[in-house]
Structures are given as C-alpha cells and as structure tokens.
Amino acid sequence: MMQTALIALAAYCLGSVSFAILVSRLMGLPDPRSYGSKNPGATNVLRTGNRVAAALTLIGDAGKGAFAVGLTVLYTGESAIAGFDAPIAGALAFLGHLYPVFHGFKGGKGVATAAGVLLALNPWLGLATLATFGIMVAFFRMISLASIIAATFSVFYALFLFGEAPIVPTVAAIALLLVWRHRENMARILRGAEPRLGEKKK
C-alpha cells in the first residue's frame, strides 16, 4: 500500500508539470493562460504561431503520461495492463495535468497526456484511440469533438481488448474526466458556436 501511495504521489507531481507554461517561459512566449482559450496546452500555444513551442508542449505533455506508466512498470516489474500500480500512475499523472499542484490546480484538458498514458499502458489501445481521434478531426474539423469521441471509444476498446483487467477502470476514469473538462466545448458544439480548424471562436 505504501509503495502504491508513493507511486501515485510521484505520478501526480510529474503530471502537475505544465509543459505549455514551461516551454513558453523558456522560449519567451506569453503565458498560455493569458490568451486564446487560456488553456495551458499545445493547441493554445500554437496560437502564438510558434509551431516548435507547440510541438514541444505536445511531446512533453504526452511524454509525462507515458513516463509515469513506464517508470512504474520498470520499478515494480508488474505488467502495465495486468498490474495495479501502472494504471494508477497513469491516472494520477493525468489528474495532475488537469489539476496541477504547481499551478493553482488550474491545468489543461489532458488530451496529450491521456494519449501518452494509453500508449504506455498498451500501444494497440493508444493507437486505436489516436486513429479514432484523427478520423474525427478529418471528418468534423473540431479538435474538441474529436477528443470527446475518441475518449468515449477508448473505453470500448479497453473493454474489448482487456475485459476485467485493472486497466479498464483507469481508462474509463480518464475518459470521464476528459469529457468533463470539455463541457464548455460541448455547450458550444450544441449551439453551433464551436470553431472548426482554421476558424476563430464565434
């Protein structure tokens, strides 16, 4: 129990590192919480026009989720999908991104971090979810809607691939939190006010 608690705490602290804020500071860009959607994530950083900063943010946010899972697997020797500690580490890294202790518990929406966690837990699960995201982006041209749909499908993929394995509750919890964080986007989608790629907010 103590080991699991320490892993959860370490994963949460790792998830609390906001690469959008860190990269912006290092590259002399405005705080991502001060413009656009005010969301500290790669999509908002891209609004500065600096693609390198956005790419580094995306890699960092996805990487911390994958690193939390991978490091836990190496430390405990447990399977990522059959053990308990790795799924818990992934969930806590994701929670840290949403509610970071280092940034007043106001974080991003977690799409990149969720992708990193899923890929580390099982590459097939991560790739299937990312493929769904890509298809939805191509079809609807809305990142938010694609994120919501992909998160929902990730639960079905996990159930289909792993059944009763401990990974399934973790994937479901991540999906629910991700959808919750997109609730304002869902309201705009229903009003027809959510911008598509290349458009500005109405």
C-alpha atoms as a PDB file:
ATOM      1  CA  MET A   1       0.000   0.000   0.000  1.00  0.00           C
ATOM      2  CA  MET A   2       2.805   2.409   0.883  1.00  0.00           C
ATOM      3  CA  GLN A   3       4.523   1.710  -2.431  1.00  0.00           C
ATOM      4  CA  THR A   4       1.305   2.366  -4.363  1.00  0.00           C
ATOM      5  CA  ALA A   5       0.713   5.608  -2.441  1.00  0.00           C
ATOM      6  CA  LEU A   6       4.236   6.853  -3.181  1.00  0.00           C
ATOM      7  CA  ILE A   7       3.899   5.938  -6.862  1.00  0.00           C
ATOM      8  CA  ALA A   8       0.568   7.766  -7.040  1.00  0.00           C
ATOM      9  CA  LEU A   9       2.061  10.869  -5.385  1.00  0.00           C
ATOM     10  CA  ALA A  10       5.109  10.889  -7.662  1.00  0.00           C
ATOM     11  CA  ALA A  11       2.938  10.415 -10.763  1.00  0.00           C
ATOM     12  CA  TYR A  12       0.638  13.248  -9.696  1.00  0.00           C
ATOM     13  CA  CYS A  13       3.583  15.596  -9.172  1.00  0.00           C
ATOM     14  CA  LEU A  14       5.009  14.638 -12.565  1.00  0.00           C
ATOM     15  CA  GLY A  15       1.639  15.267 -14.200  1.00  0.00           C
ATOM     16  CA  SER A  16       1.476  18.649 -12.478  1.00  0.00           C
ATOM     17  CA  VAL A  17       4.414  19.923 -14.551  1.00  0.00           C
ATOM     18  CA  SER A  18       2.801  22.052 -17.267  1.00  0.00           C
ATOM     19  CA  PHE A  19       4.923  21.935 -20.396  1.00  0.00           C
ATOM     20  CA  ALA A  20       2.802  24.662 -22.004  1.00  0.00           C
ATOM     21  CA  ILE A  21       3.856  27.065 -19.256  1.00  0.00           C
ATOM     22  CA  LEU A  22       7.417  25.737 -19.009  1.00  0.00           C
ATOM     23  CA  VAL A  23       8.113  25.837 -22.752  1.00  0.00           C
ATOM     24  CA  SER A  24       6.509  29.275 -23.104  1.00  0.00           C
ATOM     25  CA  ARG A  25       8.713  30.694 -20.362  1.00  0.00           C
ATOM     26  CA  LEU A  26      11.882  29.161 -21.793  1.00  0.00           C
ATOM     27  CA  MET A  27      11.077  30.448 -25.300  1.00  0.00           C
ATOM     28  CA  GLY A  28       9.988  33.916 -24.187  1.00  0.00           C
ATOM     29  CA  LEU A  29       6.344  33.449 -25.179  1.00  0.00           C
ATOM     30  CA  PRO A  30       3.285  34.786 -23.337  1.00  0.00           C
ATOM     31  CA  ASP A  31       1.773  32.688 -20.557  1.00  0.00           C
ATOM     32  CA  PRO A  32      -0.726  30.381 -22.339  1.00  0.00           C
ATOM     33  CA  ARG A  33      -3.234  31.114 -19.588  1.00  0.00           C
ATOM     34  CA  SER A  34      -3.375  34.762 -20.727  1.00  0.00           C
ATOM     35  CA  TYR A  35      -4.642  34.435 -24.317  1.00  0.00           C
ATOM     36  CA  GLY A  36      -6.837  32.376 -26.621  1.00  0.00           C
ATOM     37  CA  SER A  37      -8.720  29.666 -24.766  1.00  0.00           C
ATOM     38  CA  LYS A  38      -6.488  30.304 -21.715  1.00  0.00           C
ATOM     39  CA  ASN A  39      -5.899  26.572 -21.683  1.00  0.00           C
ATOM     40  CA  PRO A  40      -2.286  25.552 -20.970  1.00  0.00           C
ATOM     41  CA  GLY A  41      -1.981  23.042 -23.786  1.00  0.00           C
ATOM     42  CA  ALA A  42      -0.355  22.567 -27.172  1.00  0.00           C
ATOM     43  CA  THR A  43      -3.361  23.797 -29.170  1.00  0.00           C
ATOM     44  CA  ASN A  44      -3.398  27.125 -27.358  1.00  0.00           C
ATOM     45  CA  VAL A  45       0.397  27.512 -27.557  1.00  0.00           C
ATOM     46  CA  LEU A  46       0.056  27.067 -31.319  1.00  0.00           C
ATOM     47  CA  ARG A  47      -1.998  30.279 -31.367  1.00  0.00           C
ATOM     48  CA  THR A  48       1.268  32.182 -30.835  1.00  0.00           C
ATOM     49  CA  GLY A  49       2.330  30.972 -34.278  1.00  0.00           C
ATOM     50  CA  ASN A  50       5.310  29.155 -32.790  1.00  0.00           C
ATOM     51  CA  ARG A  51       4.987  25.584 -34.039  1.00  0.00           C
ATOM     52  CA  VAL A  52       8.166  24.430 -32.325  1.00  0.00           C
ATOM     53  CA  ALA A  53       6.812  25.526 -28.936  1.00  0.00           C
ATOM     54  CA  ALA A  54       3.504  23.799 -29.629  1.00  0.00           C
ATOM     55  CA  ALA A  55       5.281  20.597 -30.690  1.00  0.00           C
ATOM     56  CA  LEU A  56       7.489  20.623 -27.594  1.00  0.00           C
ATOM     57  CA  THR A  57       4.413  21.152 -25.426  1.00  0.00           C
ATOM     58  CA  LEU A  58       2.631  18.253 -27.094  1.00  0.00           C
ATOM     59  CA  ILE A  59       5.639  15.944 -26.706  1.00  0.00           C
ATOM     60  CA  GLY A  60       6.171  16.985 -23.095  1.00  0.00           C
ATOM     61  CA  ASP A  61       2.553  16.559 -22.031  1.00  0.00           C
ATOM     62  CA  ALA A  62       2.257  13.176 -23.755  1.00  0.00           C
ATOM     63  CA  GLY A  63       5.680  12.127 -22.534  1.00  0.00           C
ATOM     64  CA  LYS A  64       4.975  12.738 -18.866  1.00  0.00           C
ATOM     65  CA  GLY A  65       1.939  10.444 -19.027  1.00  0.00           C
ATOM     66  CA  ALA A  66       3.920   7.715 -20.783  1.00  0.00           C
ATOM     67  CA  PHE A  67       6.901   8.207 -18.470  1.00  0.00           C
ATOM     68  CA  ALA A  68       4.769   7.828 -15.337  1.00  0.00           C
ATOM     69  CA  VAL A  69       3.464   4.477 -16.579  1.00  0.00           C
ATOM     70  CA  GLY A  70       6.763   3.235 -18.000  1.00  0.00           C
ATOM     71  CA  LEU A  71       8.808   4.121 -14.934  1.00  0.00           C
ATOM     72  CA  THR A  72       6.277   2.375 -12.702  1.00  0.00           C
ATOM     73  CA  VAL A  73       6.477  -0.791 -14.815  1.00  0.00           C
ATOM     74  CA  LEU A  74      10.275  -0.752 -14.597  1.00  0.00           C
ATOM     75  CA  TYR A  75      10.244  -0.119 -10.849  1.00  0.00           C
ATOM     76  CA  THR A  76       7.596  -2.661  -9.851  1.00  0.00           C
ATOM     77  CA  GLY A  77       8.120  -5.289 -12.528  1.00  0.00           C
ATOM     78  CA  GLU A  78       4.339  -5.503 -12.937  1.00  0.00           C
ATOM     79  CA  SER A  79       2.548  -5.701 -16.253  1.00  0.00           C
ATOM     80  CA  ALA A  80       1.155  -2.369 -17.443  1.00  0.00           C
ATOM     81  CA  ILE A  81      -2.246  -3.912 -18.159  1.00  0.00           C
ATOM     82  CA  ALA A  82      -2.500  -6.653 -15.516  1.00  0.00           C
ATOM     83  CA  GLY A  83      -0.884  -4.905 -12.573  1.00  0.00           C
ATOM     84  CA  PHE A  84      -2.418  -2.177 -10.412  1.00  0.00           C
ATOM     85  CA  ASP A  85       0.370   0.347  -9.921  1.00  0.00           C
ATOM     86  CA  ALA A  86       0.956   1.283 -13.581  1.00  0.00           C
ATOM     87  CA  PRO A  87      -2.728   2.112 -14.307  1.00  0.00           C
ATOM     88  CA  ILE A  88      -2.862   4.105 -11.057  1.00  0.00           C
ATOM     89  CA  ALA A  89       0.289   6.011 -12.051  1.00  0.00           C
ATOM     90  CA  GLY A  90      -1.245   6.831 -15.421  1.00  0.00           C
ATOM     91  CA  ALA A  91      -4.480   8.043 -13.867  1.00  0.00           C
ATOM     92  CA  LEU A  92      -2.659  10.229 -11.337  1.00  0.00           C
ATOM     93  CA  ALA A  93      -0.349  11.739 -13.957  1.00  0.00           C
ATOM     94  CA  PHE A  94      -3.447  12.634 -15.965  1.00  0.00           C
ATOM     95  CA  LEU A  95      -5.136  14.081 -12.857  1.00  0.00           C
ATOM     96  CA  GLY A  96      -2.023  16.128 -12.155  1.00  0.00           C
ATOM     97  CA  HIS A  97      -2.224  17.652 -15.619  1.00  0.00           C
ATOM     98  CA  LEU A  98      -5.855  18.627 -15.086  1.00  0.00           C
ATOM     99  CA  TYR A  99      -5.363  19.942 -11.541  1.00  0.00           C
ATOM    100  CA  PRO A 100      -1.636  20.741 -11.145  1.00  0.00           C
ATOM    101  CA  VAL A 101      -0.423  21.429  -7.640  1.00  0.00           C
ATOM    102  CA  PHE A 102       2.297  23.718  -9.056  1.00  0.00           C
ATOM    103  CA  HIS A 103      -0.149  25.987 -10.900  1.00  0.00           C
ATOM    104  CA  GLY A 104      -3.044  26.594  -8.541  1.00  0.00           C
ATOM    105  CA  PHE A 105      -4.842  23.385  -9.602  1.00  0.00           C
ATOM    106  CA  LYS A 106      -5.759  25.002 -12.939  1.00  0.00           C
ATOM    107  CA  GLY A 107      -4.447  22.858 -15.748  1.00  0.00           C
ATOM    108  CA  GLY A 108      -5.154  21.761 -19.285  1.00  0.00           C
ATOM    109  CA  LYS A 109      -7.766  19.460 -20.743  1.00  0.00           C
ATOM    110  CA  GLY A 110      -5.496  16.464 -20.855  1.00  0.00           C
ATOM    111  CA  VAL A 111      -5.752  15.168 -24.412  1.00  0.00           C
ATOM    112  CA  ALA A 112      -1.998  14.764 -24.993  1.00  0.00           C
ATOM    113  CA  THR A 113      -1.360  13.365 -21.515  1.00  0.00           C
ATOM    114  CA  ALA A 114      -4.203  10.880 -21.908  1.00  0.00           C
ATOM    115  CA  ALA A 115      -2.728   9.750 -25.233  1.00  0.00           C
ATOM    116  CA  GLY A 116       0.668   9.218 -23.605  1.00  0.00           C
ATOM    117  CA  VAL A 117      -0.859   7.181 -20.795  1.00  0.00           C
ATOM    118  CA  LEU A 118      -2.876   4.966 -23.154  1.00  0.00           C
ATOM    119  CA  LEU A 119       0.097   4.340 -25.462  1.00  0.00           C
ATOM    120  CA  ALA A 120       2.256   3.329 -22.494  1.00  0.00           C
ATOM    121  CA  LEU A 121      -0.408   1.080 -20.991  1.00  0.00           C
ATOM    122  CA  ASN A 122      -0.904  -0.679 -24.313  1.00  0.00           C
ATOM    123  CA  PRO A 123       0.249   0.551 -27.744  1.00  0.00           C
ATOM    124  CA  TRP A 124      -2.724  -1.027 -29.549  1.00  0.00           C
ATOM    125  CA  LEU A 125      -5.166   0.742 -27.250  1.00  0.00           C
ATOM    126  CA  GLY A 126      -3.345   4.051 -27.721  1.00  0.00           C
ATOM    127  CA  LEU A 127      -3.097   3.687 -31.488  1.00  0.00           C
ATOM    128  CA  ALA A 128      -6.767   2.732 -31.861  1.00  0.00           C
ATOM    129  CA  THR A 129      -7.773   5.786 -29.819  1.00  0.00           C
ATOM    130  CA  LEU A 130      -5.453   8.079 -31.784  1.00  0.00           C
ATOM    131  CA  ALA A 131      -6.780   6.682 -35.069  1.00  0.00           C
ATOM    132  CA  THR A 132     -10.321   7.463 -33.930  1.00  0.00           C
ATOM    133  CA  PHE A 133      -9.213  10.979 -32.990  1.00  0.00           C
ATOM    134  CA  GLY A 134      -7.586  11.509 -36.385  1.00  0.00           C
ATOM    135  CA  ILE A 135     -10.616  10.275 -38.298  1.00  0.00           C
ATOM    136  CA  MET A 136     -12.953  12.517 -36.293  1.00  0.00           C
ATOM    137  CA  VAL A 137     -10.694  15.552 -36.815  1.00  0.00           C
ATOM    138  CA  ALA A 138     -10.634  14.894 -40.565  1.00  0.00           C
ATOM    139  CA  PHE A 139     -14.399  14.474 -40.682  1.00  0.00           C
ATOM    140  CA  PHE A 140     -15.630  17.222 -38.319  1.00  0.00           C
ATOM    141  CA  ARG A 141     -12.566  19.535 -38.192  1.00  0.00           C
ATOM    142  CA  MET A 142     -13.117  20.082 -34.467  1.00  0.00           C
ATOM    143  CA  ILE A 143     -10.377  19.091 -32.027  1.00  0.00           C
ATOM    144  CA  SER A 144     -12.725  19.189 -29.043  1.00  0.00           C
ATOM    145  CA  LEU A 145     -15.369  16.949 -30.599  1.00  0.00           C
ATOM    146  CA  ALA A 146     -12.706  14.526 -31.835  1.00  0.00           C
ATOM    147  CA  SER A 147     -11.242  14.384 -28.319  1.00  0.00           C
ATOM    148  CA  ILE A 148     -14.624  13.636 -26.744  1.00  0.00           C
ATOM    149  CA  ILE A 149     -15.461  10.902 -29.252  1.00  0.00           C
ATOM    150  CA  ALA A 150     -12.007   9.305 -29.059  1.00  0.00           C
ATOM    151  CA  ALA A 151     -12.123   9.304 -25.241  1.00  0.00           C
ATOM    152  CA  THR A 152     -15.503   7.582 -25.304  1.00  0.00           C
ATOM    153  CA  PHE A 153     -14.329   4.955 -27.781  1.00  0.00           C
ATOM    154  CA  SER A 154     -11.190   4.296 -25.724  1.00  0.00           C
ATOM    155  CA  VAL A 155     -13.367   2.731 -23.022  1.00  0.00           C
ATOM    156  CA  PHE A 156     -14.955   0.348 -25.527  1.00  0.00           C
ATOM    157  CA  TYR A 157     -11.541  -0.521 -26.958  1.00  0.00           C
ATOM    158  CA  ALA A 158     -10.234  -1.269 -23.456  1.00  0.00           C
ATOM    159  CA  LEU A 159     -13.234  -3.462 -22.661  1.00  0.00           C
ATOM    160  CA  PHE A 160     -12.870  -5.317 -25.948  1.00  0.00           C
ATOM    161  CA  LEU A 161      -9.119  -5.845 -25.570  1.00  0.00           C
ATOM    162  CA  PHE A 162      -8.789  -6.461 -21.831  1.00  0.00           C
ATOM    163  CA  GLY A 163     -12.184  -7.241 -20.290  1.00  0.00           C
ATOM    164  CA  GLU A 164     -11.868  -7.233 -16.499  1.00  0.00           C
ATOM    165  CA  ALA A 165      -8.226  -6.118 -16.334  1.00  0.00           C
ATOM    166  CA  PRO A 166      -7.331  -3.231 -13.960  1.00  0.00           C
ATOM    167  CA  ILE A 167      -6.586  -1.050 -16.981  1.00  0.00           C
ATOM    168  CA  VAL A 168     -10.290  -0.699 -17.820  1.00  0.00           C
ATOM    169  CA  PRO A 169     -11.374   1.391 -14.771  1.00  0.00           C
ATOM    170  CA  THR A 170      -8.369   3.653 -15.352  1.00  0.00           C
ATOM    171  CA  VAL A 171      -9.282   4.220 -18.998  1.00  0.00           C
ATOM    172  CA  ALA A 172     -12.908   4.864 -18.021  1.00  0.00           C
ATOM    173  CA  ALA A 173     -11.893   7.378 -15.335  1.00  0.00           C
ATOM    174  CA  ILE A 174      -9.583   9.221 -17.742  1.00  0.00           C
ATOM    175  CA  ALA A 175     -12.315   9.323 -20.399  1.00  0.00           C
ATOM    176  CA  LEU A 176     -14.909  10.678 -17.966  1.00  0.00           C
ATOM    177  CA  LEU A 177     -12.563  13.387 -16.705  1.00  0.00           C
ATOM    178  CA  LEU A 178     -11.554  14.353 -20.230  1.00  0.00           C
ATOM    179  CA  VAL A 179     -15.185  14.666 -21.318  1.00  0.00           C
ATOM    180  CA  TRP A 180     -15.936  16.698 -18.183  1.00  0.00           C
ATOM    181  CA  ARG A 181     -13.087  19.084 -18.950  1.00  0.00           C
ATOM    182  CA  HIS A 182     -14.606  19.628 -22.400  1.00  0.00           C
ATOM    183  CA  ARG A 183     -18.070  20.507 -21.065  1.00  0.00           C
ATOM    184  CA  GLU A 184     -17.820  24.127 -22.247  1.00  0.00           C
ATOM    185  CA  ASN A 185     -16.809  22.898 -25.691  1.00  0.00           C
ATOM    186  CA  MET A 186     -19.815  20.573 -25.723  1.00  0.00           C
ATOM    187  CA  ALA A 187     -22.103  23.506 -24.949  1.00  0.00           C
ATOM    188  CA  ARG A 188     -20.602  25.469 -27.852  1.00  0.00           C
ATOM    189  CA  ILE A 189     -20.930  22.456 -30.150  1.00  0.00           C
ATOM    190  CA  LEU A 190     -24.642  22.216 -29.313  1.00  0.00           C
ATOM    191  CA  ARG A 191     -25.033  25.959 -30.028  1.00  0.00           C
ATOM    192  CA  GLY A 192     -23.108  25.649 -33.280  1.00  0.00           C
ATOM    193  CA  ALA A 193     -20.522  28.066 -31.930  1.00  0.00           C
ATOM    194  CA  GLU A 194     -17.519  25.762 -31.585  1.00  0.00           C
ATOM    195  CA  PRO A 195     -14.827  26.836 -34.081  1.00  0.00           C
ATOM    196  CA  ARG A 196     -13.539  24.381 -36.624  1.00  0.00           C
ATOM    197  CA  LEU A 197      -9.885  24.131 -37.561  1.00  0.00           C
ATOM    198  CA  GLY A 198      -8.768  27.404 -39.089  1.00  0.00           C
ATOM    199  CA  GLU A 199     -11.696  29.380 -37.652  1.00  0.00           C
ATOM    200  CA  LYS A 200     -11.824  31.774 -34.728  1.00  0.00           C
ATOM    201  CA  LYS A 201     -14.245  31.435 -31.825  1.00  0.00           C
ATOM    202  CA  LYS A 202     -17.653  32.942 -32.511  1.00  0.00           C
END
